[in-house]
């Protein structure tokens, strides 16, 4: 008996659709997932952990092309640790800039709410 999750289970656990999982595999974001004797994908805990990380990158606005580059560097092994760190540091700076902009935008919304409260 195979251990792990099929594509529907992996989709439910990761929050990604089965279509997205197949797409990620097709473009090389995830390695070719192990298949059971019937040919169905079987996602391991390591696969699910990688999907969780990819989801965080995507949710924080990393372009798919950059995610693919990161995945490629991962597959190349330890010699790419510095390049991976630099990629993540650059991404962190972009995320922090977005957070800063959102905080500024939120201040504008809060000011408008305060104005309406004072008018009531």
PDB file of N, CA and C in Angstrom:
ATOM      1  N   UNK A   1       0.844  -1.189   0.000  1.00  0.00           N
ATOM      2  CA  UNK A   1       0.000   0.000   0.000  1.00  0.00           C
ATOM      3  C   UNK A   1       0.885   1.247   0.000  1.00  0.00           C
ATOM      4  N   UNK A   2       0.605   2.184  -0.892  1.00  0.00           N
ATOM      5  CA  UNK A   2       1.344   3.435  -0.984  1.00  0.00           C
ATOM      6  C   UNK A   2       0.938   4.357   0.165  1.00  0.00           C
ATOM      7  N   UNK A   3       1.912   5.088   0.722  1.00  0.00           N
ATOM      8  CA  UNK A   3       1.580   6.099   1.712  1.00  0.00           C
ATOM      9  C   UNK A   3       1.666   7.451   1.036  1.00  0.00           C
ATOM     10  N   UNK A   4       0.834   8.353   1.463  1.00  0.00           N
ATOM     11  CA  UNK A   4       0.778   9.674   0.868  1.00  0.00           C
ATOM     12  C   UNK A   4      -0.636   9.973   0.421  1.00  0.00           C
ATOM     13  N   UNK A   5      -0.775  11.084  -0.240  1.00  0.00           N
ATOM     14  CA  UNK A   5      -2.090  11.538  -0.685  1.00  0.00           C
ATOM     15  C   UNK A   5      -2.188  11.513  -2.202  1.00  0.00           C
ATOM     16  N   UNK A   6      -3.366  11.181  -2.690  1.00  0.00           N
ATOM     17  CA  UNK A   6      -3.647  11.312  -4.105  1.00  0.00           C
ATOM     18  C   UNK A   6      -3.811  12.780  -4.449  1.00  0.00           C
ATOM     19  N   UNK A   7      -4.056  13.051  -5.705  1.00  0.00           N
ATOM     20  CA  UNK A   7      -4.112  14.447  -6.152  1.00  0.00           C
ATOM     21  C   UNK A   7      -5.255  15.222  -5.493  1.00  0.00           C
ATOM     22  N   UNK A   8      -6.401  14.584  -5.286  1.00  0.00           N
ATOM     23  CA  UNK A   8      -7.512  15.291  -4.639  1.00  0.00           C
ATOM     24  C   UNK A   8      -7.191  15.600  -3.180  1.00  0.00           C
ATOM     25  N   UNK A   9      -6.568  14.646  -2.495  1.00  0.00           N
ATOM     26  CA  UNK A   9      -6.166  14.881  -1.110  1.00  0.00           C
ATOM     27  C   UNK A   9      -5.111  15.961  -1.006  1.00  0.00           C
ATOM     28  N   UNK A  10      -4.155  15.925  -1.921  1.00  0.00           N
ATOM     29  CA  UNK A  10      -3.107  16.949  -1.932  1.00  0.00           C
ATOM     30  C   UNK A  10      -3.697  18.314  -2.247  1.00  0.00           C
ATOM     31  N   UNK A  11      -4.671  18.342  -3.147  1.00  0.00           N
ATOM     32  CA  UNK A  11      -5.333  19.602  -3.481  1.00  0.00           C
ATOM     33  C   UNK A  11      -6.057  20.153  -2.255  1.00  0.00           C
ATOM     34  N   UNK A  12      -6.790  19.297  -1.561  1.00  0.00           N
ATOM     35  CA  UNK A  12      -7.529  19.735  -0.378  1.00  0.00           C
ATOM     36  C   UNK A  12      -6.569  20.232   0.698  1.00  0.00           C
ATOM     37  N   UNK A  13      -5.511  19.517   0.907  1.00  0.00           N
ATOM     38  CA  UNK A  13      -4.564  19.889   1.970  1.00  0.00           C
ATOM     39  C   UNK A  13      -3.776  21.146   1.631  1.00  0.00           C
ATOM     40  N   UNK A  14      -3.412  21.315   0.369  1.00  0.00           N
ATOM     41  CA  UNK A  14      -2.584  22.456  -0.038  1.00  0.00           C
ATOM     42  C   UNK A  14      -3.397  23.712  -0.329  1.00  0.00           C
ATOM     43  N   UNK A  15      -4.688  23.524  -0.601  1.00  0.00           N
ATOM     44  CA  UNK A  15      -5.507  24.668  -1.000  1.00  0.00           C
ATOM     45  C   UNK A  15      -5.367  24.997  -2.477  1.00  0.00           C
ATOM     46  N   UNK A  16      -4.616  24.193  -3.193  1.00  0.00           N
ATOM     47  CA  UNK A  16      -4.451  24.369  -4.641  1.00  0.00           C
ATOM     48  C   UNK A  16      -5.397  23.408  -5.352  1.00  0.00           C
ATOM     49  N   UNK A  17      -5.791  23.753  -6.540  1.00  0.00           N
ATOM     50  CA  UNK A  17      -6.657  22.849  -7.296  1.00  0.00           C
ATOM     51  C   UNK A  17      -5.823  21.722  -7.903  1.00  0.00           C
ATOM     52  N   UNK A  18      -6.485  20.633  -8.248  1.00  0.00           N
ATOM     53  CA  UNK A  18      -5.805  19.526  -8.925  1.00  0.00           C
ATOM     54  C   UNK A  18      -5.197  20.023 -10.234  1.00  0.00           C
ATOM     55  N   UNK A  19      -5.900  20.903 -10.922  1.00  0.00           N
ATOM     56  CA  UNK A  19      -5.386  21.481 -12.171  1.00  0.00           C
ATOM     57  C   UNK A  19      -4.071  22.223 -11.915  1.00  0.00           C
ATOM     58  N   UNK A  20      -4.030  23.017 -10.840  1.00  0.00           N
ATOM     59  CA  UNK A  20      -2.815  23.765 -10.507  1.00  0.00           C
ATOM     60  C   UNK A  20      -1.676  22.816 -10.173  1.00  0.00           C
ATOM     61  N   UNK A  21      -1.967  21.747  -9.445  1.00  0.00           N
ATOM     62  CA  UNK A  21      -0.926  20.768  -9.118  1.00  0.00           C
ATOM     63  C   UNK A  21      -0.339  20.155 -10.390  1.00  0.00           C
ATOM     64  N   UNK A  22      -1.205  19.805 -11.325  1.00  0.00           N
ATOM     65  CA  UNK A  22      -0.717  19.235 -12.587  1.00  0.00           C
ATOM     66  C   UNK A  22       0.106  20.271 -13.363  1.00  0.00           C
ATOM     67  N   UNK A  23      -0.371  21.519 -13.361  1.00  0.00           N
ATOM     68  CA  UNK A  23       0.332  22.610 -14.031  1.00  0.00           C
ATOM     69  C   UNK A  23       1.713  22.813 -13.408  1.00  0.00           C
ATOM     70  N   UNK A  24       1.787  22.861 -12.085  1.00  0.00           N
ATOM     71  CA  UNK A  24       3.066  23.040 -11.401  1.00  0.00           C
ATOM     72  C   UNK A  24       4.029  21.909 -11.758  1.00  0.00           C
ATOM     73  N   UNK A  25       3.516  20.710 -11.870  1.00  0.00           N
ATOM     74  CA  UNK A  25       4.370  19.582 -12.249  1.00  0.00           C
ATOM     75  C   UNK A  25       4.831  19.734 -13.703  1.00  0.00           C
ATOM     76  N   UNK A  26       3.911  20.127 -14.565  1.00  0.00           N
ATOM     77  CA  UNK A  26       4.226  20.263 -15.987  1.00  0.00           C
ATOM     78  C   UNK A  26       5.303  21.323 -16.238  1.00  0.00           C
ATOM     79  N   UNK A  27       5.274  22.451 -15.499  1.00  0.00           N
ATOM     80  CA  UNK A  27       6.245  23.522 -15.737  1.00  0.00           C
ATOM     81  C   UNK A  27       7.509  23.366 -14.896  1.00  0.00           C
ATOM     82  N   UNK A  28       7.574  22.317 -14.087  1.00  0.00           N
ATOM     83  CA  UNK A  28       8.786  22.047 -13.329  1.00  0.00           C
ATOM     84  C   UNK A  28       8.870  22.684 -11.957  1.00  0.00           C
ATOM     85  N   UNK A  29       7.761  23.257 -11.485  1.00  0.00           N
ATOM     86  CA  UNK A  29       7.770  23.817 -10.131  1.00  0.00           C
ATOM     87  C   UNK A  29       7.857  22.714  -9.083  1.00  0.00           C
ATOM     88  N   UNK A  30       7.244  21.603  -9.385  1.00  0.00           N
ATOM     89  CA  UNK A  30       7.409  20.427  -8.534  1.00  0.00           C
ATOM     90  C   UNK A  30       7.948  19.306  -9.416  1.00  0.00           C
ATOM     91  N   UNK A  31       8.744  18.462  -8.795  1.00  0.00           N
ATOM     92  CA  UNK A  31       9.316  17.354  -9.554  1.00  0.00           C
ATOM     93  C   UNK A  31       8.191  16.426 -10.007  1.00  0.00           C
ATOM     94  N   UNK A  32       8.516  15.519 -10.851  1.00  0.00           N
ATOM     95  CA  UNK A  32       7.524  14.534 -11.274  1.00  0.00           C
ATOM     96  C   UNK A  32       7.114  13.727 -10.048  1.00  0.00           C
ATOM     97  N   UNK A  33       5.858  13.815  -9.694  1.00  0.00           N
ATOM     98  CA  UNK A  33       5.349  13.181  -8.481  1.00  0.00           C
ATOM     99  C   UNK A  33       5.305  11.664  -8.674  1.00  0.00           C
ATOM    100  N   UNK A  34       5.669  10.957  -7.604  1.00  0.00           N
ATOM    101  CA  UNK A  34       5.630   9.487  -7.625  1.00  0.00           C
ATOM    102  C   UNK A  34       4.227   9.017  -7.992  1.00  0.00           C
ATOM    103  N   UNK A  35       4.151   7.915  -8.688  1.00  0.00           N
ATOM    104  CA  UNK A  35       2.862   7.330  -9.059  1.00  0.00           C
ATOM    105  C   UNK A  35       2.760   5.921  -8.506  1.00  0.00           C
ATOM    106  N   UNK A  36       1.539   5.557  -8.136  1.00  0.00           N
ATOM    107  CA  UNK A  36       1.320   4.203  -7.622  1.00  0.00           C
ATOM    108  C   UNK A  36       1.201   3.220  -8.793  1.00  0.00           C
ATOM    109  N   UNK A  37       0.920   1.975  -8.487  1.00  0.00           N
ATOM    110  CA  UNK A  37       0.869   0.944  -9.529  1.00  0.00           C
ATOM    111  C   UNK A  37      -0.232   1.184 -10.548  1.00  0.00           C
ATOM    112  N   UNK A  38      -1.248   1.953 -10.169  1.00  0.00           N
ATOM    113  CA  UNK A  38      -2.328   2.257 -11.107  1.00  0.00           C
ATOM    114  C   UNK A  38      -2.063   3.535 -11.906  1.00  0.00           C
ATOM    115  N   UNK A  39      -0.920   4.204 -11.620  1.00  0.00           N
ATOM    116  CA  UNK A  39      -0.578   5.421 -12.349  1.00  0.00           C
ATOM    117  C   UNK A  39      -1.063   6.706 -11.708  1.00  0.00           C
ATOM    118  N   UNK A  40      -1.683   6.615 -10.546  1.00  0.00           N
ATOM    119  CA  UNK A  40      -2.170   7.808  -9.849  1.00  0.00           C
ATOM    120  C   UNK A  40      -1.039   8.464  -9.059  1.00  0.00           C
ATOM    121  N   UNK A  41      -1.029   9.780  -9.054  1.00  0.00           N
ATOM    122  CA  UNK A  41      -0.017  10.508  -8.297  1.00  0.00           C
ATOM    123  C   UNK A  41      -0.171  10.219  -6.804  1.00  0.00           C
ATOM    124  N   UNK A  42       0.976  10.141  -6.125  1.00  0.00           N
ATOM    125  CA  UNK A  42       0.998   9.967  -4.675  1.00  0.00           C
ATOM    126  C   UNK A  42       1.933  11.028  -4.115  1.00  0.00           C
ATOM    127  N   UNK A  43       1.367  11.994  -3.403  1.00  0.00           N
ATOM    128  CA  UNK A  43       2.130  13.107  -2.847  1.00  0.00           C
ATOM    129  C   UNK A  43       2.628  12.749  -1.452  1.00  0.00           C
ATOM    130  N   UNK A  44       3.931  12.861  -1.251  1.00  0.00           N
ATOM    131  CA  UNK A  44       4.551  12.572   0.040  1.00  0.00           C
ATOM    132  C   UNK A  44       4.443  13.808   0.946  1.00  0.00           C
ATOM    133  N   UNK A  45       4.820  13.633   2.197  1.00  0.00           N
ATOM    134  CA  UNK A  45       4.863  14.776   3.124  1.00  0.00           C
ATOM    135  C   UNK A  45       5.854  15.824   2.624  1.00  0.00           C
ATOM    136  N   UNK A  46       6.969  15.372   2.072  1.00  0.00           N
ATOM    137  CA  UNK A  46       7.947  16.323   1.522  1.00  0.00           C
ATOM    138  C   UNK A  46       7.335  17.109   0.359  1.00  0.00           C
ATOM    139  N   UNK A  47       6.577  16.430  -0.505  1.00  0.00           N
ATOM    140  CA  UNK A  47       5.895  17.118  -1.616  1.00  0.00           C
ATOM    141  C   UNK A  47       4.931  18.169  -1.073  1.00  0.00           C
ATOM    142  N   UNK A  48       4.187  17.797  -0.045  1.00  0.00           N
ATOM    143  CA  UNK A  48       3.200  18.714   0.531  1.00  0.00           C
ATOM    144  C   UNK A  48       3.875  19.910   1.194  1.00  0.00           C
ATOM    145  N   UNK A  49       5.013  19.678   1.833  1.00  0.00           N
ATOM    146  CA  UNK A  49       5.773  20.787   2.416  1.00  0.00           C
ATOM    147  C   UNK A  49       6.276  21.748   1.351  1.00  0.00           C
ATOM    148  N   UNK A  50       6.744  21.201   0.235  1.00  0.00           N
ATOM    149  CA  UNK A  50       7.203  22.031  -0.884  1.00  0.00           C
ATOM    150  C   UNK A  50       6.035  22.831  -1.458  1.00  0.00           C
ATOM    151  N   UNK A  51       4.878  22.203  -1.592  1.00  0.00           N
ATOM    152  CA  UNK A  51       3.694  22.911  -2.086  1.00  0.00           C
ATOM    153  C   UNK A  51       3.301  24.054  -1.151  1.00  0.00           C
ATOM    154  N   UNK A  52       3.416  23.818   0.140  1.00  0.00           N
ATOM    155  CA  UNK A  52       3.095  24.879   1.109  1.00  0.00           C
ATOM    156  C   UNK A  52       4.038  26.063   0.922  1.00  0.00           C
ATOM    157  N   UNK A  53       5.319  25.783   0.734  1.00  0.00           N
ATOM    158  CA  UNK A  53       6.291  26.855   0.513  1.00  0.00           C
ATOM    159  C   UNK A  53       5.993  27.604  -0.785  1.00  0.00           C
ATOM    160  N   UNK A  54       5.712  26.864  -1.851  1.00  0.00           N
ATOM    161  CA  UNK A  54       5.377  27.496  -3.125  1.00  0.00           C
ATOM    162  C   UNK A  54       4.150  28.390  -2.985  1.00  0.00           C
ATOM    163  N   UNK A  55       3.172  27.921  -2.222  1.00  0.00           N
ATOM    164  CA  UNK A  55       1.951  28.700  -2.009  1.00  0.00           C
ATOM    165  C   UNK A  55       2.272  30.009  -1.300  1.00  0.00           C
ATOM    166  N   UNK A  56       3.159  29.960  -0.324  1.00  0.00           N
ATOM    167  CA  UNK A  56       3.567  31.190   0.383  1.00  0.00           C
ATOM    168  C   UNK A  56       4.263  32.152  -0.573  1.00  0.00           C
ATOM    169  N   UNK A  57       5.119  31.617  -1.428  1.00  0.00           N
ATOM    170  CA  UNK A  57       5.781  32.484  -2.405  1.00  0.00           C
ATOM    171  C   UNK A  57       4.756  33.143  -3.315  1.00  0.00           C
ATOM    172  N   UNK A  58       3.815  32.358  -3.796  1.00  0.00           N
ATOM    173  CA  UNK A  58       2.806  32.877  -4.720  1.00  0.00           C
ATOM    174  C   UNK A  58       1.903  33.895  -4.033  1.00  0.00           C
ATOM    175  N   UNK A  59       1.490  33.595  -2.799  1.00  0.00           N
ATOM    176  CA  UNK A  59       0.614  34.506  -2.062  1.00  0.00           C
ATOM    177  C   UNK A  59       1.303  35.833  -1.749  1.00  0.00           C
ATOM    178  N   UNK A  60       2.621  35.808  -1.684  1.00  0.00           N
ATOM    179  CA  UNK A  60       3.347  37.045  -1.428  1.00  0.00           C
ATOM    180  C   UNK A  60       3.797  37.715  -2.728  1.00  0.00           C
ATOM    181  N   UNK A  61       3.276  37.240  -3.842  1.00  0.00           N
ATOM    182  CA  UNK A  61       3.461  37.943  -5.106  1.00  0.00           C
ATOM    183  C   UNK A  61       4.650  37.537  -5.944  1.00  0.00           C
ATOM    184  N   UNK A  62       5.313  36.439  -5.613  1.00  0.00           N
ATOM    185  CA  UNK A  62       6.440  36.034  -6.452  1.00  0.00           C
ATOM    186  C   UNK A  62       5.910  35.533  -7.792  1.00  0.00           C
ATOM    187  N   UNK A  63       6.461  36.052  -8.889  1.00  0.00           N
ATOM    188  CA  UNK A  63       6.038  35.584 -10.214  1.00  0.00           C
ATOM    189  C   UNK A  63       6.375  34.104 -10.415  1.00  0.00           C
ATOM    190  N   UNK A  64       5.555  33.431 -11.199  1.00  0.00           N
ATOM    191  CA  UNK A  64       5.770  32.007 -11.487  1.00  0.00           C
ATOM    192  C   UNK A  64       7.163  31.773 -12.072  1.00  0.00           C
ATOM    193  N   UNK A  65       7.620  32.666 -12.935  1.00  0.00           N
ATOM    194  CA  UNK A  65       8.947  32.501 -13.539  1.00  0.00           C
ATOM    195  C   UNK A  65      10.037  32.477 -12.470  1.00  0.00           C
ATOM    196  N   UNK A  66       9.920  33.351 -11.472  1.00  0.00           N
ATOM    197  CA  UNK A  66      10.903  33.365 -10.382  1.00  0.00           C
ATOM    198  C   UNK A  66      10.788  32.102  -9.536  1.00  0.00           C
ATOM    199  N   UNK A  67       9.567  31.644  -9.324  1.00  0.00           N
ATOM    200  CA  UNK A  67       9.377  30.401  -8.579  1.00  0.00           C
ATOM    201  C   UNK A  67      10.029  29.232  -9.311  1.00  0.00           C
ATOM    202  N   UNK A  68       9.888  29.218 -10.626  1.00  0.00           N
ATOM    203  CA  UNK A  68      10.510  28.161 -11.430  1.00  0.00           C
ATOM    204  C   UNK A  68      12.032  28.235 -11.322  1.00  0.00           C
ATOM    205  N   UNK A  69      12.572  29.427 -11.353  1.00  0.00           N
ATOM    206  CA  UNK A  69      14.021  29.600 -11.219  1.00  0.00           C
ATOM    207  C   UNK A  69      14.471  29.094  -9.856  1.00  0.00           C
ATOM    208  N   UNK A  70      13.729  29.422  -8.815  1.00  0.00           N
ATOM    209  CA  UNK A  70      14.058  28.957  -7.473  1.00  0.00           C
ATOM    210  C   UNK A  70      14.032  27.428  -7.416  1.00  0.00           C
ATOM    211  N   UNK A  71      12.992  26.824  -7.986  1.00  0.00           N
ATOM    212  CA  UNK A  71      12.884  25.364  -8.004  1.00  0.00           C
ATOM    213  C   UNK A  71      14.057  24.744  -8.748  1.00  0.00           C
ATOM    214  N   UNK A  72      14.452  25.372  -9.839  1.00  0.00           N
ATOM    215  CA  UNK A  72      15.601  24.883 -10.613  1.00  0.00           C
ATOM    216  C   UNK A  72      16.869  24.932  -9.759  1.00  0.00           C
ATOM    217  N   UNK A  73      17.048  26.036  -9.035  1.00  0.00           N
ATOM    218  CA  UNK A  73      18.212  26.154  -8.157  1.00  0.00           C
ATOM    219  C   UNK A  73      18.186  25.092  -7.062  1.00  0.00           C
ATOM    220  N   UNK A  74      17.010  24.820  -6.519  1.00  0.00           N
ATOM    221  CA  UNK A  74      16.887  23.776  -5.496  1.00  0.00           C
ATOM    222  C   UNK A  74      17.365  22.438  -6.045  1.00  0.00           C
ATOM    223  N   UNK A  75      16.943  22.122  -7.255  1.00  0.00           N
ATOM    224  CA  UNK A  75      17.323  20.842  -7.863  1.00  0.00           C
ATOM    225  C   UNK A  75      18.824  20.755  -8.133  1.00  0.00           C
ATOM    226  N   UNK A  76      19.456  21.912  -8.314  1.00  0.00           N
ATOM    227  CA  UNK A  76      20.902  21.926  -8.574  1.00  0.00           C
ATOM    228  C   UNK A  76      21.718  21.635  -7.323  1.00  0.00           C
ATOM    229  N   UNK A  77      21.103  21.745  -6.164  1.00  0.00           N
ATOM    230  CA  UNK A  77      21.777  21.331  -4.934  1.00  0.00           C
ATOM    231  C   UNK A  77      22.456  22.424  -4.141  1.00  0.00           C
ATOM    232  N   UNK A  78      23.308  22.009  -3.198  1.00  0.00           N
ATOM    233  CA  UNK A  78      23.922  22.917  -2.234  1.00  0.00           C
ATOM    234  C   UNK A  78      24.754  24.049  -2.833  1.00  0.00           C
ATOM    235  N   UNK A  79      25.263  23.859  -4.021  1.00  0.00           N
ATOM    236  CA  UNK A  79      26.086  24.908  -4.626  1.00  0.00           C
ATOM    237  C   UNK A  79      25.278  26.170  -4.940  1.00  0.00           C
ATOM    238  N   UNK A  80      23.954  26.086  -4.857  1.00  0.00           N
ATOM    239  CA  UNK A  80      23.102  27.235  -5.197  1.00  0.00           C
ATOM    240  C   UNK A  80      22.490  27.903  -3.965  1.00  0.00           C
ATOM    241  N   UNK A  81      22.952  27.540  -2.783  1.00  0.00           N
ATOM    242  CA  UNK A  81      22.376  28.103  -1.558  1.00  0.00           C
ATOM    243  C   UNK A  81      22.433  29.630  -1.567  1.00  0.00           C
ATOM    244  N   UNK A  82      23.568  30.195  -1.931  1.00  0.00           N
ATOM    245  CA  UNK A  82      23.703  31.657  -1.933  1.00  0.00           C
ATOM    246  C   UNK A  82      22.722  32.301  -2.916  1.00  0.00           C
ATOM    247  N   UNK A  83      22.595  31.741  -4.092  1.00  0.00           N
ATOM    248  CA  UNK A  83      21.668  32.284  -5.095  1.00  0.00           C
ATOM    249  C   UNK A  83      20.233  32.217  -4.595  1.00  0.00           C
ATOM    250  N   UNK A  84      19.884  31.127  -3.937  1.00  0.00           N
ATOM    251  CA  UNK A  84      18.528  30.993  -3.392  1.00  0.00           C
ATOM    252  C   UNK A  84      18.280  32.019  -2.294  1.00  0.00           C
ATOM    253  N   UNK A  85      19.280  32.196  -1.427  1.00  0.00           N
ATOM    254  CA  UNK A  85      19.135  33.192  -0.362  1.00  0.00           C
ATOM    255  C   UNK A  85      18.951  34.586  -0.952  1.00  0.00           C
ATOM    256  N   UNK A  86      19.759  34.921  -1.945  1.00  0.00           N
ATOM    257  CA  UNK A  86      19.649  36.236  -2.573  1.00  0.00           C
ATOM    258  C   UNK A  86      18.276  36.433  -3.218  1.00  0.00           C
ATOM    259  N   UNK A  87      17.764  35.384  -3.860  1.00  0.00           N
ATOM    260  CA  UNK A  87      16.420  35.472  -4.453  1.00  0.00           C
ATOM    261  C   UNK A  87      15.378  35.767  -3.382  1.00  0.00           C
ATOM    262  N   UNK A  88      15.465  35.041  -2.269  1.00  0.00           N
ATOM    263  CA  UNK A  88      14.479  35.228  -1.198  1.00  0.00           C
ATOM    264  C   UNK A  88      14.636  36.580  -0.524  1.00  0.00           C
ATOM    265  N   UNK A  89      15.865  37.067  -0.395  1.00  0.00           N
ATOM    266  CA  UNK A  89      16.061  38.400   0.180  1.00  0.00           C
ATOM    267  C   UNK A  89      15.460  39.481  -0.717  1.00  0.00           C
ATOM    268  N   UNK A  90      15.642  39.361  -2.013  1.00  0.00           N
ATOM    269  CA  UNK A  90      15.043  40.326  -2.944  1.00  0.00           C
ATOM    270  C   UNK A  90      13.518  40.256  -2.880  1.00  0.00           C
ATOM    271  N   UNK A  91      13.002  39.041  -2.783  1.00  0.00           N
ATOM    272  CA  UNK A  91      11.550  38.879  -2.676  1.00  0.00           C
ATOM    273  C   UNK A  91      11.043  39.498  -1.381  1.00  0.00           C
ATOM    274  N   UNK A  92      11.771  39.258  -0.286  1.00  0.00           N
ATOM    275  CA  UNK A  92      11.374  39.852   0.995  1.00  0.00           C
ATOM    276  C   UNK A  92      11.282  41.371   0.884  1.00  0.00           C
ATOM    277  N   UNK A  93      12.223  42.002   0.209  1.00  0.00           N
ATOM    278  CA  UNK A  93      12.195  43.465   0.056  1.00  0.00           C
ATOM    279  C   UNK A  93      10.952  43.913  -0.710  1.00  0.00           C
ATOM    280  N   UNK A  94      10.574  43.167  -1.735  1.00  0.00           N
ATOM    281  CA  UNK A  94       9.365  43.506  -2.492  1.00  0.00           C
ATOM    282  C   UNK A  94       8.122  43.338  -1.612  1.00  0.00           C
ATOM    283  N   UNK A  95       8.101  42.273  -0.812  1.00  0.00           N
ATOM    284  CA  UNK A  95       6.960  42.035   0.083  1.00  0.00           C
ATOM    285  C   UNK A  95       6.866  43.156   1.114  1.00  0.00           C
ATOM    286  N   UNK A  96       7.996  43.544   1.696  1.00  0.00           N
ATOM    287  CA  UNK A  96       7.990  44.620   2.690  1.00  0.00           C
ATOM    288  C   UNK A  96       7.523  45.943   2.081  1.00  0.00           C
ATOM    289  N   UNK A  97       7.903  46.207   0.843  1.00  0.00           N
ATOM    290  CA  UNK A  97       7.445  47.424   0.165  1.00  0.00           C
ATOM    291  C   UNK A  97       5.933  47.385  -0.037  1.00  0.00           C
ATOM    292  N   UNK A  98       5.400  46.215  -0.394  1.00  0.00           N
ATOM    293  CA  UNK A  98       3.943  46.073  -0.558  1.00  0.00           C
ATOM    294  C   UNK A  98       3.225  46.268   0.764  1.00  0.00           C
ATOM    295  N   UNK A  99       3.774  45.701   1.831  1.00  0.00           N
ATOM    296  CA  UNK A  99       3.162  45.860   3.154  1.00  0.00           C
ATOM    297  C   UNK A  99       3.148  47.333   3.551  1.00  0.00           C
ATOM    298  N   UNK A 100       4.236  48.018   3.292  1.00  0.00           N
ATOM    299  CA  UNK A 100       4.318  49.440   3.605  1.00  0.00           C
ATOM    300  C   UNK A 100       3.257  50.231   2.836  1.00  0.00           C
ATOM    301  N   UNK A 101       3.109  49.931   1.552  1.00  0.00           N
ATOM    302  CA  UNK A 101       2.102  50.609   0.743  1.00  0.00           C
ATOM    303  C   UNK A 101       0.701  50.310   1.250  1.00  0.00           C
ATOM    304  N   UNK A 102       0.445  49.064   1.604  1.00  0.00           N
ATOM    305  CA  UNK A 102      -0.867  48.698   2.150  1.00  0.00           C
ATOM    306  C   UNK A 102      -1.144  49.426   3.468  1.00  0.00           C
ATOM    307  N   UNK A 103      -0.133  49.555   4.303  1.00  0.00           N
ATOM    308  CA  UNK A 103      -0.322  50.287   5.560  1.00  0.00           C
ATOM    309  C   UNK A 103      -0.661  51.748   5.298  1.00  0.00           C
ATOM    310  N   UNK A 104       0.001  52.354   4.319  1.00  0.00           N
ATOM    311  CA  UNK A 104      -0.323  53.732   3.945  1.00  0.00           C
ATOM    312  C   UNK A 104      -1.750  53.824   3.414  1.00  0.00           C
ATOM    313  N   UNK A 105      -2.147  52.884   2.582  1.00  0.00           N
ATOM    314  CA  UNK A 105      -3.507  52.879   2.039  1.00  0.00           C
ATOM    315  C   UNK A 105      -4.534  52.690   3.147  1.00  0.00           C
ATOM    316  N   UNK A 106      -4.217  51.836   4.105  1.00  0.00           N
ATOM    317  CA  UNK A 106      -5.125  51.598   5.220  1.00  0.00           C
ATOM    318  C   UNK A 106      -5.316  52.864   6.048  1.00  0.00           C
ATOM    319  N   UNK A 107      -4.270  53.633   6.218  1.00  0.00           N
ATOM    320  CA  UNK A 107      -4.393  54.908   6.951  1.00  0.00           C
ATOM    321  C   UNK A 107      -5.391  55.828   6.270  1.00  0.00           C
ATOM    322  N   UNK A 108      -5.393  55.836   4.946  1.00  0.00           N
ATOM    323  CA  UNK A 108      -6.347  56.661   4.200  1.00  0.00           C
ATOM    324  C   UNK A 108      -7.773  56.184   4.451  1.00  0.00           C
ATOM    325  N   UNK A 109      -7.978  54.875   4.419  1.00  0.00           N
ATOM    326  CA  UNK A 109      -9.309  54.314   4.679  1.00  0.00           C
ATOM    327  C   UNK A 109      -9.734  54.636   6.108  1.00  0.00           C
ATOM    328  N   UNK A 110      -8.839  54.482   7.066  1.00  0.00           N
ATOM    329  CA  UNK A 110      -9.172  54.776   8.460  1.00  0.00           C
ATOM    330  C   UNK A 110      -9.519  56.249   8.653  1.00  0.00           C
ATOM    331  N   UNK A 111      -8.813  57.137   7.969  1.00  0.00           N
ATOM    332  CA  UNK A 111      -9.114  58.570   8.061  1.00  0.00           C
ATOM    333  C   UNK A 111     -10.512  58.859   7.537  1.00  0.00           C
ATOM    334  N   UNK A 112     -10.891  58.213   6.467  1.00  0.00           N
ATOM    335  CA  UNK A 112     -12.229  58.404   5.901  1.00  0.00           C
ATOM    336  C   UNK A 112     -13.293  57.895   6.869  1.00  0.00           C
ATOM    337  N   UNK A 113     -13.042  56.743   7.501  1.00  0.00           N
ATOM    338  CA  UNK A 113     -13.979  56.198   8.483  1.00  0.00           C
ATOM    339  C   UNK A 113     -14.120  57.169   9.648  1.00  0.00           C
ATOM    340  N   UNK A 114     -13.008  57.718  10.136  1.00  0.00           N
ATOM    341  CA  UNK A 114     -13.049  58.689  11.226  1.00  0.00           C
ATOM    342  C   UNK A 114     -13.869  59.908  10.835  1.00  0.00           C
ATOM    343  N   UNK A 115     -13.684  60.379   9.612  1.00  0.00           N
ATOM    344  CA  UNK A 115     -14.437  61.531   9.136  1.00  0.00           C
ATOM    345  C   UNK A 115     -15.936  61.239   9.163  1.00  0.00           C
ATOM    346  N   UNK A 116     -16.342  60.045   8.716  1.00  0.00           N
ATOM    347  CA  UNK A 116     -17.760  59.697   8.704  1.00  0.00           C
ATOM    348  C   UNK A 116     -18.294  59.551  10.128  1.00  0.00           C
ATOM    349  N   UNK A 117     -17.512  59.001  11.032  1.00  0.00           N
ATOM    350  CA  UNK A 117     -17.942  58.893  12.426  1.00  0.00           C
ATOM    351  C   UNK A 117     -18.180  60.266  13.036  1.00  0.00           C
ATOM    352  N   UNK A 118     -17.333  61.209  12.715  1.00  0.00           N
ATOM    353  CA  UNK A 118     -17.473  62.577  13.227  1.00  0.00           C
ATOM    354  C   UNK A 118     -18.700  63.258  12.626  1.00  0.00           C
ATOM    355  N   UNK A 119     -19.090  62.878  11.430  1.00  0.00           N
ATOM    356  CA  UNK A 119     -20.247  63.478  10.769  1.00  0.00           C
ATOM    357  C   UNK A 119     -21.561  62.944  11.311  1.00  0.00           C
ATOM    358  N   UNK A 120     -21.561  61.761  11.899  1.00  0.00           N
ATOM    359  CA  UNK A 120     -22.801  61.150  12.389  1.00  0.00           C
ATOM    360  C   UNK A 120     -23.296  61.803  13.650  1.00  0.00           C
TER     361      UNK A 120
END
